Amino acid sequence: MLKVTASISKKLPIHGINYSSASAMCSVELELGESSSDSELREQIARAYSLVESAVDAQLAKSTNGNGHSNGNGHSNGNGDSGNGNGSAFFSRSNGNGNGNHGRSDRGLTGPQRSAILAITTKQNMSEDELNRGLQERFGRSLDQLTIKEASQTIDGLKSVNNA
């Protein structure tokens, strides 16, 4: 079994706001059969990068209205507590140190955010039920009810617990 990770990260300036930028990153991990030919491997890897790049471009277009201007949808880098490695410590209520979500905080989480949260929790061996219980505890809502800001805080917090 051959494991391949395709990752792309892009950062664009937000026009009209000094020292501001919008960034997006997407990563996908594939397991490819060892029996695949070199050309099949190249094709699957190229397709993975194409999908990842499309997702990043779409996210940047949403966060800058496609023209480099911010839509008021800031990102948070809120931190969770370190814990037992499965993300549960993140769900304890804390204020975090995020720089907030200026403006439209009531918008629901995006598809890529939902996918990222589920991928991180799967990697941490956390069930969707455990995730939803933790989200209920922290935000008073389940995964599909999170706002963009809450989803961003969840992703950042789960990553920080995973890296602790």
N, C-alpha and C. Protein backbone atom coordinates (compact mmCIF):
# COMPACT_ATOMS: atom_id res chain seq x y z
N MET A 1 0.85 -1.18 0.00
CA MET A 1 0.00 0.00 0.00
C MET A 1 0.89 1.24 0.00
N LEU A 2 0.58 2.16 -0.87
CA LEU A 2 1.32 3.40 -1.01
C LEU A 2 0.43 4.53 -0.52
N LYS A 3 0.93 5.35 0.39
CA LYS A 3 0.17 6.47 0.94
C LYS A 3 0.72 7.77 0.36
N VAL A 4 -0.17 8.60 -0.20
CA VAL A 4 0.21 9.86 -0.83
C VAL A 4 -0.60 10.98 -0.20
N THR A 5 0.05 12.07 0.15
CA THR A 5 -0.64 13.25 0.68
C THR A 5 -0.47 14.39 -0.30
N ALA A 6 -1.59 14.97 -0.72
CA ALA A 6 -1.57 16.13 -1.61
C ALA A 6 -2.07 17.33 -0.80
N SER A 7 -1.22 18.36 -0.69
CA SER A 7 -1.58 19.55 0.09
C SER A 7 -1.27 20.80 -0.71
N ILE A 8 -2.17 21.78 -0.59
CA ILE A 8 -1.94 23.08 -1.23
C ILE A 8 -2.40 24.14 -0.25
N SER A 9 -1.61 25.19 -0.14
CA SER A 9 -1.93 26.33 0.70
C SER A 9 -1.70 27.60 -0.11
N LYS A 10 -2.65 28.52 -0.05
CA LYS A 10 -2.51 29.79 -0.76
C LYS A 10 -2.90 30.93 0.17
N LYS A 11 -2.29 32.08 -0.06
CA LYS A 11 -2.57 33.27 0.73
C LYS A 11 -2.70 34.45 -0.23
N LEU A 12 -3.78 35.22 -0.11
CA LEU A 12 -4.00 36.37 -0.97
C LEU A 12 -4.19 37.62 -0.12
N PRO A 13 -3.69 38.77 -0.58
CA PRO A 13 -3.93 40.01 0.16
C PRO A 13 -5.40 40.40 0.06
N ILE A 14 -5.90 41.03 1.11
CA ILE A 14 -7.25 41.59 1.08
C ILE A 14 -7.10 43.05 0.71
N HIS A 15 -7.57 43.41 -0.46
CA HIS A 15 -7.41 44.76 -0.97
C HIS A 15 -8.18 45.76 -0.10
N GLY A 16 -7.54 46.87 0.17
CA GLY A 16 -8.16 47.93 0.94
C GLY A 16 -7.98 47.80 2.44
N ILE A 17 -7.37 46.72 2.90
CA ILE A 17 -7.11 46.54 4.32
C ILE A 17 -5.63 46.25 4.47
N ASN A 18 -4.91 47.20 5.03
CA ASN A 18 -3.47 47.04 5.18
C ASN A 18 -3.12 45.85 6.05
N TYR A 19 -2.07 45.14 5.65
CA TYR A 19 -1.52 44.02 6.42
C TYR A 19 -2.53 42.91 6.68
N SER A 20 -3.47 42.72 5.75
CA SER A 20 -4.47 41.67 5.91
C SER A 20 -4.39 40.73 4.72
N SER A 21 -4.75 39.50 4.99
CA SER A 21 -4.77 38.52 3.91
C SER A 21 -5.79 37.43 4.23
N ALA A 22 -6.18 36.74 3.20
CA ALA A 22 -7.05 35.58 3.33
C ALA A 22 -6.23 34.37 2.92
N SER A 23 -6.34 33.31 3.67
CA SER A 23 -5.58 32.11 3.32
C SER A 23 -6.48 30.90 3.40
N ALA A 24 -6.11 29.90 2.62
CA ALA A 24 -6.84 28.64 2.64
C ALA A 24 -5.85 27.52 2.40
N MET A 25 -6.11 26.40 3.03
CA MET A 25 -5.23 25.23 2.90
C MET A 25 -6.11 24.00 2.85
N CYS A 26 -5.76 23.09 1.99
CA CYS A 26 -6.49 21.83 1.90
C CYS A 26 -5.48 20.71 1.72
N SER A 27 -5.76 19.59 2.33
CA SER A 27 -4.88 18.44 2.24
C SER A 27 -5.74 17.20 2.14
N VAL A 28 -5.31 16.27 1.31
CA VAL A 28 -6.02 15.01 1.19
C VAL A 28 -5.00 13.89 1.20
N GLU A 29 -5.35 12.80 1.84
CA GLU A 29 -4.45 11.65 1.93
C GLU A 29 -5.09 10.49 1.17
N LEU A 30 -4.32 9.89 0.29
CA LEU A 30 -4.80 8.77 -0.52
C LEU A 30 -4.00 7.52 -0.21
N GLU A 31 -4.65 6.40 -0.26
CA GLU A 31 -3.95 5.12 -0.19
C GLU A 31 -4.11 4.47 -1.55
N LEU A 32 -2.99 4.24 -2.21
CA LEU A 32 -3.00 3.69 -3.56
C LEU A 32 -2.45 2.28 -3.53
N GLY A 33 -3.01 1.44 -4.35
CA GLY A 33 -2.55 0.06 -4.43
C GLY A 33 -1.16 -0.02 -5.03
N GLU A 34 -0.35 -0.93 -4.51
CA GLU A 34 1.01 -1.08 -5.01
C GLU A 34 1.04 -1.63 -6.43
N SER A 35 -0.06 -2.23 -6.86
CA SER A 35 -0.10 -2.83 -8.18
C SER A 35 -0.36 -1.80 -9.28
N SER A 36 -0.61 -0.54 -8.92
CA SER A 36 -0.86 0.49 -9.91
C SER A 36 0.41 0.76 -10.72
N SER A 37 0.21 1.02 -12.00
CA SER A 37 1.34 1.37 -12.86
C SER A 37 1.79 2.79 -12.57
N ASP A 38 2.98 3.15 -13.04
CA ASP A 38 3.49 4.50 -12.84
C ASP A 38 2.55 5.54 -13.43
N SER A 39 2.01 5.28 -14.61
CA SER A 39 1.12 6.25 -15.23
C SER A 39 -0.19 6.39 -14.45
N GLU A 40 -0.71 5.27 -13.90
CA GLU A 40 -1.92 5.33 -13.08
C GLU A 40 -1.66 6.12 -11.80
N LEU A 41 -0.50 5.92 -11.18
CA LEU A 41 -0.15 6.66 -9.97
C LEU A 41 -0.06 8.15 -10.27
N ARG A 42 0.64 8.51 -11.35
CA ARG A 42 0.77 9.92 -11.73
C ARG A 42 -0.61 10.55 -11.97
N GLU A 43 -1.48 9.81 -12.63
CA GLU A 43 -2.82 10.31 -12.93
C GLU A 43 -3.62 10.53 -11.65
N GLN A 44 -3.57 9.58 -10.71
CA GLN A 44 -4.31 9.71 -9.46
C GLN A 44 -3.76 10.84 -8.61
N ILE A 45 -2.45 11.00 -8.58
CA ILE A 45 -1.83 12.08 -7.82
C ILE A 45 -2.20 13.43 -8.44
N ALA A 46 -2.13 13.52 -9.77
CA ALA A 46 -2.49 14.77 -10.46
C ALA A 46 -3.95 15.12 -10.19
N ARG A 47 -4.83 14.12 -10.19
CA ARG A 47 -6.24 14.37 -9.92
C ARG A 47 -6.44 14.85 -8.49
N ALA A 48 -5.70 14.26 -7.55
CA ALA A 48 -5.81 14.69 -6.15
C ALA A 48 -5.37 16.14 -6.00
N TYR A 49 -4.24 16.50 -6.61
CA TYR A 49 -3.79 17.89 -6.53
C TYR A 49 -4.78 18.84 -7.18
N SER A 50 -5.36 18.44 -8.29
CA SER A 50 -6.34 19.28 -8.97
C SER A 50 -7.56 19.52 -8.08
N LEU A 51 -8.04 18.47 -7.41
CA LEU A 51 -9.19 18.62 -6.51
C LEU A 51 -8.85 19.51 -5.32
N VAL A 52 -7.67 19.32 -4.75
CA VAL A 52 -7.24 20.12 -3.60
C VAL A 52 -7.11 21.58 -4.00
N GLU A 53 -6.50 21.83 -5.15
CA GLU A 53 -6.33 23.21 -5.61
C GLU A 53 -7.68 23.87 -5.88
N SER A 54 -8.62 23.13 -6.46
CA SER A 54 -9.96 23.66 -6.71
C SER A 54 -10.66 24.04 -5.41
N ALA A 55 -10.50 23.19 -4.39
CA ALA A 55 -11.12 23.47 -3.10
C ALA A 55 -10.53 24.73 -2.47
N VAL A 56 -9.21 24.88 -2.54
CA VAL A 56 -8.54 26.07 -1.99
C VAL A 56 -8.99 27.32 -2.75
N ASP A 57 -9.01 27.24 -4.07
CA ASP A 57 -9.43 28.40 -4.87
C ASP A 57 -10.88 28.79 -4.57
N ALA A 58 -11.75 27.80 -4.43
CA ALA A 58 -13.15 28.07 -4.12
C ALA A 58 -13.29 28.73 -2.75
N GLN A 59 -12.53 28.26 -1.77
CA GLN A 59 -12.60 28.83 -0.42
C GLN A 59 -12.09 30.27 -0.42
N LEU A 60 -10.99 30.51 -1.14
CA LEU A 60 -10.47 31.88 -1.22
C LEU A 60 -11.45 32.80 -1.94
N ALA A 61 -12.09 32.29 -2.98
CA ALA A 61 -13.07 33.10 -3.70
C ALA A 61 -14.24 33.47 -2.78
N LYS A 62 -14.66 32.52 -1.92
CA LYS A 62 -15.74 32.81 -0.97
C LYS A 62 -15.30 33.82 0.08
N SER A 63 -14.09 33.69 0.57
CA SER A 63 -13.66 34.57 1.66
C SER A 63 -13.26 35.95 1.18
N THR A 64 -13.06 36.11 -0.13
CA THR A 64 -12.71 37.44 -0.67
C THR A 64 -13.70 37.89 -1.73
N ASN A 65 -14.86 37.28 -1.78
CA ASN A 65 -15.87 37.58 -2.79
C ASN A 65 -15.34 37.46 -4.21
N GLY A 66 -14.29 36.68 -4.40
CA GLY A 66 -13.74 36.44 -5.71
C GLY A 66 -12.95 37.60 -6.28
N ASN A 67 -12.81 38.70 -5.52
CA ASN A 67 -12.13 39.86 -6.07
C ASN A 67 -11.07 40.44 -5.12
N GLY A 68 -10.68 39.67 -4.13
CA GLY A 68 -9.66 40.14 -3.21
C GLY A 68 -10.19 41.06 -2.12
N HIS A 69 -11.51 41.26 -2.06
CA HIS A 69 -12.10 42.09 -1.02
C HIS A 69 -12.73 41.20 0.03
N SER A 70 -12.49 41.50 1.28
CA SER A 70 -13.00 40.68 2.37
C SER A 70 -14.51 40.73 2.44
N ASN A 71 -15.12 39.60 2.83
CA ASN A 71 -16.56 39.57 3.03
C ASN A 71 -16.91 39.69 4.51
N GLY A 72 -15.95 40.11 5.32
CA GLY A 72 -16.23 40.27 6.75
C GLY A 72 -16.27 38.95 7.49
N ASN A 73 -15.72 37.93 6.91
CA ASN A 73 -15.80 36.61 7.49
C ASN A 73 -14.43 36.21 8.02
N GLY A 74 -14.02 36.82 9.14
CA GLY A 74 -12.69 36.58 9.68
C GLY A 74 -12.50 35.16 10.16
N HIS A 75 -11.28 34.76 10.31
CA HIS A 75 -10.97 33.42 10.79
C HIS A 75 -10.41 33.51 12.20
N SER A 76 -10.66 32.50 12.96
CA SER A 76 -10.20 32.47 14.34
C SER A 76 -9.03 31.52 14.47
N ASN A 77 -8.14 31.84 15.37
CA ASN A 77 -7.09 30.89 15.71
C ASN A 77 -7.19 30.53 17.18
N GLY A 78 -8.43 30.39 17.64
CA GLY A 78 -8.67 30.07 19.05
C GLY A 78 -7.94 28.81 19.46
N ASN A 79 -7.49 28.79 20.69
CA ASN A 79 -6.72 27.62 21.11
C ASN A 79 -7.53 26.78 22.07
N GLY A 80 -7.32 25.48 21.98
CA GLY A 80 -7.94 24.57 22.93
C GLY A 80 -6.90 24.17 23.96
N ASP A 81 -7.35 23.50 24.99
CA ASP A 81 -6.43 23.01 26.00
C ASP A 81 -5.75 21.75 25.49
N SER A 82 -4.56 21.47 25.96
CA SER A 82 -3.95 20.19 25.61
C SER A 82 -4.58 19.13 26.49
N GLY A 83 -4.61 17.92 25.98
CA GLY A 83 -5.32 16.90 26.75
C GLY A 83 -4.80 15.52 26.45
N ASN A 84 -5.71 14.58 26.34
CA ASN A 84 -5.32 13.18 26.23
C ASN A 84 -5.09 12.74 24.80
N GLY A 85 -5.03 13.65 23.85
CA GLY A 85 -4.69 13.30 22.49
C GLY A 85 -5.88 12.95 21.62
N ASN A 86 -7.08 12.87 22.15
CA ASN A 86 -8.21 12.55 21.29
C ASN A 86 -9.12 13.74 21.06
N GLY A 87 -8.69 14.93 21.42
CA GLY A 87 -9.46 16.13 21.15
C GLY A 87 -10.46 16.50 22.23
N SER A 88 -10.69 15.62 23.21
CA SER A 88 -11.73 15.91 24.19
C SER A 88 -11.42 17.14 25.02
N ALA A 89 -10.15 17.43 25.27
CA ALA A 89 -9.81 18.60 26.08
C ALA A 89 -10.20 19.89 25.38
N PHE A 90 -10.24 19.87 24.08
CA PHE A 90 -10.63 21.07 23.34
C PHE A 90 -12.04 21.50 23.69
N PHE A 91 -12.90 20.55 24.01
CA PHE A 91 -14.30 20.86 24.21
C PHE A 91 -14.62 21.53 25.53
N SER A 92 -13.64 21.62 26.43
CA SER A 92 -13.92 22.36 27.66
C SER A 92 -14.08 23.83 27.29
N ARG A 93 -15.00 24.50 27.98
CA ARG A 93 -15.25 25.90 27.63
C ARG A 93 -14.03 26.76 27.97
N SER A 94 -13.60 27.52 26.97
CA SER A 94 -12.53 28.49 27.20
C SER A 94 -12.76 29.66 26.28
N ASN A 95 -12.15 30.78 26.60
CA ASN A 95 -12.34 31.96 25.78
C ASN A 95 -11.50 31.92 24.52
N GLY A 96 -10.43 31.16 24.50
CA GLY A 96 -9.57 31.12 23.33
C GLY A 96 -8.88 32.44 23.13
N ASN A 97 -8.00 32.50 22.15
CA ASN A 97 -7.34 33.75 21.86
C ASN A 97 -7.57 34.17 20.43
N GLY A 98 -8.67 33.71 19.84
CA GLY A 98 -8.96 34.00 18.43
C GLY A 98 -9.18 35.48 18.21
N ASN A 99 -8.92 35.89 16.98
CA ASN A 99 -9.12 37.30 16.66
C ASN A 99 -10.52 37.55 16.17
N GLY A 100 -11.39 36.58 16.33
CA GLY A 100 -12.80 36.81 16.16
C GLY A 100 -13.31 36.69 14.75
N ASN A 101 -14.59 36.88 14.64
CA ASN A 101 -15.28 36.83 13.37
C ASN A 101 -16.01 38.14 13.24
N HIS A 102 -15.49 39.02 12.46
CA HIS A 102 -16.05 40.36 12.34
C HIS A 102 -17.15 40.34 11.31
N GLY A 103 -18.37 40.55 11.74
CA GLY A 103 -19.46 40.58 10.80
C GLY A 103 -20.31 39.33 10.88
N ARG A 104 -20.59 38.72 9.80
CA ARG A 104 -21.61 37.72 9.60
C ARG A 104 -21.34 36.42 10.35
N SER A 105 -21.45 36.44 11.66
CA SER A 105 -21.11 35.27 12.48
C SER A 105 -22.20 34.21 12.48
N ASP A 106 -23.36 34.53 11.92
CA ASP A 106 -24.47 33.58 11.96
C ASP A 106 -24.47 32.61 10.78
N ARG A 107 -23.57 32.78 9.83
CA ARG A 107 -23.52 31.87 8.69
C ARG A 107 -23.07 30.49 9.14
N GLY A 108 -23.68 29.46 8.58
CA GLY A 108 -23.34 28.09 8.95
C GLY A 108 -21.99 27.66 8.41
N LEU A 109 -21.45 26.63 9.04
CA LEU A 109 -20.15 26.12 8.62
C LEU A 109 -20.19 25.72 7.16
N THR A 110 -19.03 25.73 6.53
CA THR A 110 -18.92 25.37 5.12
C THR A 110 -18.70 23.86 4.98
N GLY A 111 -18.92 23.35 3.79
CA GLY A 111 -18.66 21.94 3.52
C GLY A 111 -17.22 21.54 3.81
N PRO A 112 -16.24 22.36 3.33
CA PRO A 112 -14.85 22.02 3.63
C PRO A 112 -14.54 22.02 5.14
N GLN A 113 -15.18 22.94 5.90
CA GLN A 113 -14.96 22.95 7.35
C GLN A 113 -15.51 21.66 7.97
N ARG A 114 -16.70 21.25 7.54
CA ARG A 114 -17.31 20.03 8.07
C ARG A 114 -16.41 18.83 7.77
N SER A 115 -15.93 18.77 6.53
CA SER A 115 -15.04 17.67 6.13
C SER A 115 -13.76 17.66 6.95
N ALA A 116 -13.19 18.85 7.18
CA ALA A 116 -11.95 18.94 7.95
C ALA A 116 -12.16 18.47 9.39
N ILE A 117 -13.25 18.89 10.00
CA ILE A 117 -13.53 18.49 11.39
C ILE A 117 -13.68 16.97 11.47
N LEU A 118 -14.43 16.39 10.53
CA LEU A 118 -14.63 14.94 10.55
C LEU A 118 -13.32 14.19 10.28
N ALA A 119 -12.49 14.73 9.38
CA ALA A 119 -11.21 14.07 9.10
C ALA A 119 -10.29 14.10 10.32
N ILE A 120 -10.24 15.24 11.01
CA ILE A 120 -9.38 15.36 12.20
C ILE A 120 -9.86 14.42 13.31
N THR A 121 -11.18 14.41 13.54
CA THR A 121 -11.69 13.58 14.62
C THR A 121 -11.56 12.09 14.28
N THR A 122 -11.69 11.74 13.02
CA THR A 122 -11.48 10.34 12.60
C THR A 122 -10.04 9.94 12.88
N LYS A 123 -9.11 10.83 12.53
CA LYS A 123 -7.69 10.57 12.77
C LYS A 123 -7.40 10.42 14.27
N GLN A 124 -8.19 11.12 15.10
CA GLN A 124 -8.01 11.05 16.55
C GLN A 124 -8.87 9.95 17.18
N ASN A 125 -9.47 9.10 16.36
CA ASN A 125 -10.33 8.00 16.83
C ASN A 125 -11.50 8.49 17.67
N MET A 126 -12.07 9.63 17.29
CA MET A 126 -13.22 10.18 18.00
C MET A 126 -14.46 9.94 17.15
N SER A 127 -15.50 9.37 17.73
CA SER A 127 -16.73 9.12 16.98
C SER A 127 -17.48 10.43 16.76
N GLU A 128 -18.40 10.41 15.80
CA GLU A 128 -19.21 11.60 15.54
C GLU A 128 -20.10 11.92 16.74
N ASP A 129 -20.54 10.88 17.47
CA ASP A 129 -21.33 11.10 18.69
C ASP A 129 -20.50 11.83 19.74
N GLU A 130 -19.24 11.40 19.93
CA GLU A 130 -18.36 12.07 20.89
C GLU A 130 -18.13 13.52 20.47
N LEU A 131 -17.92 13.72 19.19
CA LEU A 131 -17.73 15.07 18.66
C LEU A 131 -18.94 15.94 18.98
N ASN A 132 -20.13 15.45 18.66
CA ASN A 132 -21.34 16.25 18.88
C ASN A 132 -21.59 16.52 20.36
N ARG A 133 -21.27 15.54 21.22
CA ARG A 133 -21.41 15.80 22.67
C ARG A 133 -20.46 16.93 23.10
N GLY A 134 -19.23 16.87 22.61
CA GLY A 134 -18.27 17.92 22.94
C GLY A 134 -18.68 19.28 22.41
N LEU A 135 -19.21 19.30 21.19
CA LEU A 135 -19.65 20.57 20.60
C LEU A 135 -20.86 21.12 21.36
N GLN A 136 -21.76 20.23 21.79
CA GLN A 136 -22.90 20.66 22.60
C GLN A 136 -22.41 21.30 23.89
N GLU A 137 -21.40 20.68 24.49
CA GLU A 137 -20.84 21.18 25.74
C GLU A 137 -20.19 22.55 25.54
N ARG A 138 -19.43 22.71 24.46
CA ARG A 138 -18.67 23.94 24.23
C ARG A 138 -19.51 25.07 23.64
N PHE A 139 -20.31 24.73 22.61
CA PHE A 139 -21.03 25.77 21.87
C PHE A 139 -22.55 25.69 22.01
N GLY A 140 -23.04 24.59 22.60
CA GLY A 140 -24.49 24.43 22.72
C GLY A 140 -25.14 24.02 21.41
N ARG A 141 -24.36 23.43 20.49
CA ARG A 141 -24.90 22.99 19.20
C ARG A 141 -24.15 21.78 18.68
N SER A 142 -24.76 21.10 17.72
CA SER A 142 -24.12 19.95 17.08
C SER A 142 -23.30 20.44 15.89
N LEU A 143 -22.57 19.53 15.27
CA LEU A 143 -21.67 19.87 14.16
C LEU A 143 -22.39 20.64 13.07
N ASP A 144 -23.50 20.15 12.60
CA ASP A 144 -24.18 20.78 11.47
C ASP A 144 -24.85 22.11 11.82
N GLN A 145 -24.87 22.47 13.09
CA GLN A 145 -25.45 23.74 13.52
C GLN A 145 -24.39 24.81 13.80
N LEU A 146 -23.10 24.46 13.68
CA LEU A 146 -22.04 25.42 13.98
C LEU A 146 -22.03 26.58 13.00
N THR A 147 -21.60 27.73 13.50
CA THR A 147 -21.34 28.87 12.62
C THR A 147 -19.95 28.70 12.02
N ILE A 148 -19.63 29.52 11.05
CA ILE A 148 -18.30 29.48 10.44
C ILE A 148 -17.23 29.72 11.50
N LYS A 149 -17.46 30.69 12.38
CA LYS A 149 -16.47 31.00 13.41
C LYS A 149 -16.28 29.82 14.35
N GLU A 150 -17.38 29.22 14.80
CA GLU A 150 -17.28 28.08 15.71
C GLU A 150 -16.58 26.90 15.04
N ALA A 151 -16.87 26.68 13.77
CA ALA A 151 -16.21 25.59 13.04
C ALA A 151 -14.72 25.86 12.93
N SER A 152 -14.34 27.12 12.67
CA SER A 152 -12.93 27.48 12.59
C SER A 152 -12.24 27.28 13.93
N GLN A 153 -12.89 27.67 15.01
CA GLN A 153 -12.34 27.47 16.34
C GLN A 153 -12.20 25.98 16.64
N THR A 154 -13.17 25.19 16.21
CA THR A 154 -13.14 23.75 16.43
C THR A 154 -11.96 23.12 15.69
N ILE A 155 -11.77 23.50 14.43
CA ILE A 155 -10.66 22.97 13.63
C ILE A 155 -9.33 23.34 14.28
N ASP A 156 -9.16 24.62 14.60
CA ASP A 156 -7.91 25.07 15.22
C ASP A 156 -7.67 24.36 16.56
N GLY A 157 -8.72 24.23 17.36
CA GLY A 157 -8.58 23.60 18.66
C GLY A 157 -8.24 22.12 18.56
N LEU A 158 -8.93 21.42 17.66
CA LEU A 158 -8.65 19.99 17.48
C LEU A 158 -7.23 19.78 16.95
N LYS A 159 -6.79 20.66 16.05
CA LYS A 159 -5.42 20.56 15.55
C LYS A 159 -4.41 20.79 16.66
N SER A 160 -4.68 21.79 17.52
CA SER A 160 -3.71 22.08 18.59
C SER A 160 -3.66 20.95 19.59
N VAL A 161 -4.78 20.29 19.86
CA VAL A 161 -4.79 19.14 20.75
C VAL A 161 -4.03 18.00 20.11
N ASN A 162 -4.21 17.82 18.81
CA ASN A 162 -3.54 16.75 18.09
C ASN A 162 -2.03 16.97 18.04
N ASN A 163 -1.59 18.22 18.00
CA ASN A 163 -0.17 18.54 17.94
C ASN A 163 0.48 18.65 19.29
N ALA A 164 -0.32 18.62 20.36
CA ALA A 164 0.23 18.79 21.71
C ALA A 164 0.96 17.56 22.16
